[in-house]
Amino acid sequence: MSTVDFTTLNVLIREGDEREAIAWRVQTLRQLNPPSFQDPNTELDGMYDRTAIGRTITAEKLARSYLQGVIRPFIKDAEQEDAILSLTRIVLQSADLSLSLWTHKLCLVSKYLHDGDIGDRFAHDNEMVEAHQLQNKYLDMNPGYFDGAKILMITHPALIRYGEEGASDPGSRTVLKKAICWMAPPSESLR
């Protein structure tokens, strides 16, 4: 029998019932990381500590593996415990942030160039995009200056939140951060 990882299982459940998939993901992760003030008489006693210890061990293994890998020639003291501890701290902070985000009934998605909502042409009235600040001088005189211009690069992806905390509408979309775009001059965009 093959194993299915957490993310794959979440996607499979989501295909059947999005609300139930969100609820399952949130409750599963909350069970693995209950508050540390749990009643010692429950079966969750110590679960928070065990989960925290597991995250720390995994973060340290990842840090050691990374520092001993292809990056090693570029790190001055890859063998030093200080380097391992610093990277472990960063990995742990990332894991804590990720866990915190995944235990909420919403979904955060990054949107890049050629994603359906962004496409490859700029439009000043598209709620998902904005021009790079170095190109704003053209937009001060004419907000539609780059409309239809080819987007050459996205210097920062859009950050979109789908759903609400109560999961009453998993399809609702909120643009938290617009994609920052760099466009070709309009005359070159026609090619």
Protein backbone atom coordinates (compact mmCIF):
# COMPACT_ATOMS: atom_id res chain seq x y z
CA MET A 1 0.00 0.00 0.00
CA SER A 2 1.39 3.42 -0.90
CA THR A 3 1.45 6.33 1.51
CA VAL A 4 -0.20 9.67 0.84
CA ASP A 5 1.27 12.82 2.36
CA PHE A 6 -0.80 15.41 4.20
CA THR A 7 -0.89 17.92 1.34
CA THR A 8 -1.95 15.33 -1.24
CA LEU A 9 -4.70 14.05 1.05
CA ASN A 10 -5.91 17.61 1.63
CA VAL A 11 -6.11 18.18 -2.16
CA LEU A 12 -8.01 14.92 -2.66
CA ILE A 13 -10.55 15.74 0.04
CA ARG A 14 -10.87 19.29 -1.31
CA GLU A 15 -11.93 17.92 -4.71
CA GLY A 16 -14.94 16.29 -3.05
CA ASP A 17 -15.98 18.92 -0.52
CA GLU A 18 -13.96 22.10 -0.09
CA ARG A 19 -15.50 23.12 3.25
CA GLU A 20 -14.93 19.69 4.77
CA ALA A 21 -11.33 19.64 3.46
CA ILE A 22 -10.64 22.99 5.12
CA ALA A 23 -12.21 21.84 8.38
CA TRP A 24 -10.25 18.56 8.28
CA ARG A 25 -6.93 20.35 7.64
CA VAL A 26 -7.51 22.89 10.42
CA GLN A 27 -8.67 20.35 13.00
CA THR A 28 -5.88 17.88 12.20
CA LEU A 29 -3.17 20.50 12.60
CA ARG A 30 -4.80 21.91 15.75
CA GLN A 31 -4.85 18.39 17.24
CA LEU A 32 -1.13 18.03 16.54
CA ASN A 33 -0.39 21.37 18.15
CA PRO A 34 -2.85 21.91 21.01
CA PRO A 35 -2.31 24.76 23.47
CA SER A 36 0.28 23.89 26.12
CA PHE A 37 -2.21 24.40 28.94
CA GLN A 38 -4.20 21.22 28.18
CA ASP A 39 -5.77 19.29 31.04
CA PRO A 40 -3.14 16.69 32.07
CA ASN A 41 -5.88 14.05 32.35
CA THR A 42 -6.67 14.12 28.61
CA GLU A 43 -5.08 11.96 25.95
CA LEU A 44 -3.60 15.15 24.47
CA ASP A 45 -1.41 15.57 27.53
CA GLY A 46 2.09 16.26 26.28
CA MET A 47 1.07 16.44 22.61
CA TYR A 48 2.17 20.08 22.37
CA ASP A 49 5.59 19.25 23.84
CA ARG A 50 6.02 16.19 21.61
CA THR A 51 5.06 18.19 18.51
CA ALA A 52 7.42 21.05 19.45
CA ILE A 53 10.29 18.62 20.07
CA GLY A 54 9.57 16.89 16.75
CA ARG A 55 9.63 20.22 14.90
CA THR A 56 12.92 21.18 16.55
CA ILE A 57 14.57 17.85 15.67
CA THR A 58 13.33 18.08 12.08
CA ALA A 59 14.49 21.70 11.74
CA GLU A 60 17.97 20.81 13.00
CA LYS A 61 18.20 17.86 10.60
CA LEU A 62 17.16 20.10 7.72
CA ALA A 63 19.72 22.75 8.73
CA ARG A 64 22.55 20.21 9.00
CA SER A 65 21.59 18.56 5.71
CA TYR A 66 21.41 21.90 3.91
CA LEU A 67 24.74 23.15 5.29
CA GLN A 68 26.46 19.89 4.33
CA GLY A 69 24.97 19.89 0.82
CA VAL A 70 25.82 21.85 -2.31
CA ILE A 71 25.77 25.13 -0.36
CA ARG A 72 28.74 24.06 1.80
CA PRO A 73 31.48 25.70 -0.35
CA PHE A 74 29.70 29.04 -0.02
CA ILE A 75 29.32 28.98 3.77
CA LYS A 76 32.45 29.97 5.69
CA ASP A 77 31.79 27.85 8.77
CA ALA A 78 29.27 25.24 7.64
CA GLU A 79 30.49 22.86 10.36
CA GLN A 80 30.15 25.41 13.17
CA GLU A 81 27.31 24.93 15.61
CA ASP A 82 26.51 28.65 15.41
CA ALA A 83 25.65 28.33 11.71
CA ILE A 84 23.50 25.26 12.40
CA LEU A 85 21.72 26.97 15.29
CA SER A 86 21.04 30.13 13.27
CA LEU A 87 19.61 28.19 10.34
CA THR A 88 17.62 25.94 12.71
CA ARG A 89 16.05 29.05 14.26
CA ILE A 90 15.04 30.33 10.81
CA VAL A 91 13.54 26.96 9.83
CA LEU A 92 11.64 26.78 13.14
CA GLN A 93 10.23 30.28 12.70
CA SER A 94 9.11 29.34 9.18
CA ALA A 95 7.51 26.13 10.47
CA ASP A 96 5.69 28.01 13.24
CA LEU A 97 4.40 30.61 10.76
CA SER A 98 3.30 27.89 8.35
CA LEU A 99 1.52 25.97 11.12
CA SER A 100 -0.18 29.15 12.28
CA LEU A 101 -1.42 29.94 8.77
CA TRP A 102 -2.59 26.39 8.07
CA THR A 103 -4.63 26.20 11.28
CA HIS A 104 -6.92 28.99 10.04
CA LYS A 105 -9.88 28.35 7.78
CA LEU A 106 -8.47 30.23 4.86
CA CYS A 107 -5.97 29.62 2.12
CA LEU A 108 -3.10 31.89 1.03
CA VAL A 109 -1.93 31.68 -2.58
CA SER A 110 0.87 33.44 -4.47
CA LYS A 111 0.08 34.49 -8.03
CA TYR A 112 2.83 34.93 -10.60
CA LEU A 113 3.19 35.88 -14.26
CA HIS A 114 0.89 33.90 -16.57
CA ASP A 115 -1.42 32.84 -13.72
CA GLY A 116 -4.99 33.07 -14.93
CA ASP A 117 -5.80 36.15 -12.84
CA ILE A 118 -2.69 38.06 -13.93
CA GLY A 119 -2.01 36.99 -17.51
CA ASP A 120 0.87 38.52 -19.46
CA ARG A 121 -0.60 41.97 -20.27
CA PHE A 122 -0.91 44.88 -17.85
CA ALA A 123 -4.18 46.66 -17.09
CA HIS A 124 -4.23 49.47 -14.56
CA ASP A 125 -7.74 48.51 -13.42
CA ASN A 126 -6.78 44.88 -12.68
CA GLU A 127 -7.05 44.53 -8.88
CA MET A 128 -4.24 41.94 -8.90
CA VAL A 129 -1.43 44.08 -10.35
CA GLU A 130 0.36 47.39 -9.99
CA ALA A 131 3.29 48.93 -11.81
CA HIS A 132 6.77 48.92 -10.35
CA GLN A 133 7.50 52.21 -8.59
CA LEU A 134 10.20 53.10 -11.13
CA GLN A 135 7.52 53.06 -13.86
CA ASN A 136 5.01 55.15 -11.90
CA LYS A 137 6.26 58.40 -13.49
CA TYR A 138 4.43 57.39 -16.68
CA LEU A 139 1.25 56.59 -14.77
CA ASP A 140 1.12 59.96 -12.99
CA MET A 141 0.24 61.66 -16.28
CA ASN A 142 -1.85 58.82 -17.73
CA PRO A 143 -3.04 55.91 -15.51
CA GLY A 144 -3.67 53.78 -18.61
CA TYR A 145 -0.22 54.38 -20.14
CA PHE A 146 0.82 50.72 -19.79
CA ASP A 147 -2.61 49.20 -20.51
CA GLY A 148 -2.05 46.26 -22.86
CA ALA A 149 1.74 46.41 -22.37
CA LYS A 150 3.53 43.09 -22.07
CA ILE A 151 4.50 42.24 -18.49
CA LEU A 152 8.18 41.33 -18.65
CA MET A 153 8.66 40.42 -15.01
CA ILE A 154 6.89 40.26 -11.69
CA THR A 155 9.20 41.54 -8.98
CA HIS A 156 6.80 40.55 -6.19
CA PRO A 157 3.97 38.03 -6.56
CA ALA A 158 0.39 38.82 -5.65
CA LEU A 159 -0.74 37.39 -2.32
CA ILE A 160 -4.36 36.27 -2.31
CA ARG A 161 -6.49 34.99 0.56
CA TYR A 162 -9.29 32.62 -0.33
CA GLY A 163 -12.04 31.96 2.18
CA GLU A 164 -12.91 33.55 5.48
CA GLU A 165 -12.01 32.53 9.02
CA GLY A 166 -15.44 31.00 9.59
CA ALA A 167 -15.21 29.11 6.25
CA SER A 168 -18.69 30.36 5.41
CA ASP A 169 -17.56 31.19 1.87
CA PRO A 170 -14.40 29.29 0.84
CA GLY A 171 -14.58 30.87 -2.63
CA SER A 172 -14.32 34.49 -1.48
CA ARG A 173 -11.12 36.20 -2.57
CA THR A 174 -9.21 39.05 -0.97
CA VAL A 175 -6.10 40.58 -2.57
CA LEU A 176 -3.69 41.12 0.32
CA LYS A 177 -0.78 42.32 -1.86
CA LYS A 178 -0.86 43.16 -5.55
CA ALA A 179 1.73 41.73 -7.93
CA ILE A 180 4.42 44.30 -8.72
CA CYS A 181 4.96 44.30 -12.50
CA TRP A 182 7.67 45.58 -14.81
CA MET A 183 6.33 46.27 -18.29
CA ALA A 184 7.86 46.70 -21.70
CA PRO A 185 7.38 50.18 -23.16
CA PRO A 186 3.97 50.25 -24.88
CA SER A 187 5.55 50.65 -28.34
CA GLU A 188 7.53 47.42 -27.85
CA SER A 189 4.55 45.53 -26.41
CA LEU A 190 2.82 45.40 -29.77
CA ARG A 191 5.39 42.93 -31.10
